[in-house]
C-alpha cells in the first residue's frame, strides 16, 4: 500500500475514533439535560421505592415496570433496567447506549461516592441529588464533564 494511502487511512480512522468519543459525550450530556429539565428527582425516588421493594439482590426489571417518565427520557427507550445493591444502597439502574458504551440513571436510597476521582469500576458516577445519579462506563479521565 502506498504511503499516501496508509496516511489517509490513519487520518480517517483517527477522525472516526474522535468523532465517536464526542458523540458519546454529547449523548450523555443530552440525557443529563433532559432529565434535569423534565424530571423531579424526589418524585422519581418515590416512584421507584415500591418497585425496588419487589426485588432482592440484583435482578432484571422489565422495562414495562419502570416509571413511564424514564421510558421517554432519551431519544430511544432504555436498553435495560435492573435492581441492584451498589455501595450499600439499593438502586434501580436504567441504561441506554450500546455494547461498548453505556450510560444512564441510578435511582435509589443510597449515597454513592461523588468526588473528582470517582472511578467506580467500570462506572463514573455524577451526582444529581442524594439517591439519584447519572452514570457512564469508563474512567473520569476519558473526558471531563462540566
Foldseek 3Di string as FASTA:
>chain_A
DDPVVVVVVVVVVVVVVVVVLVVLVVQLVLLVVLCVVPHDLVVQLVLCVVVLVVDDAKDWDPQVSHPPCQQPRHPHGFPTWIWHQDPNWIWIWTWHDDDVKIKGKTATQAADDDDQQDCPVQWDWHDDDGRMIIIIGHGCVSDDDD
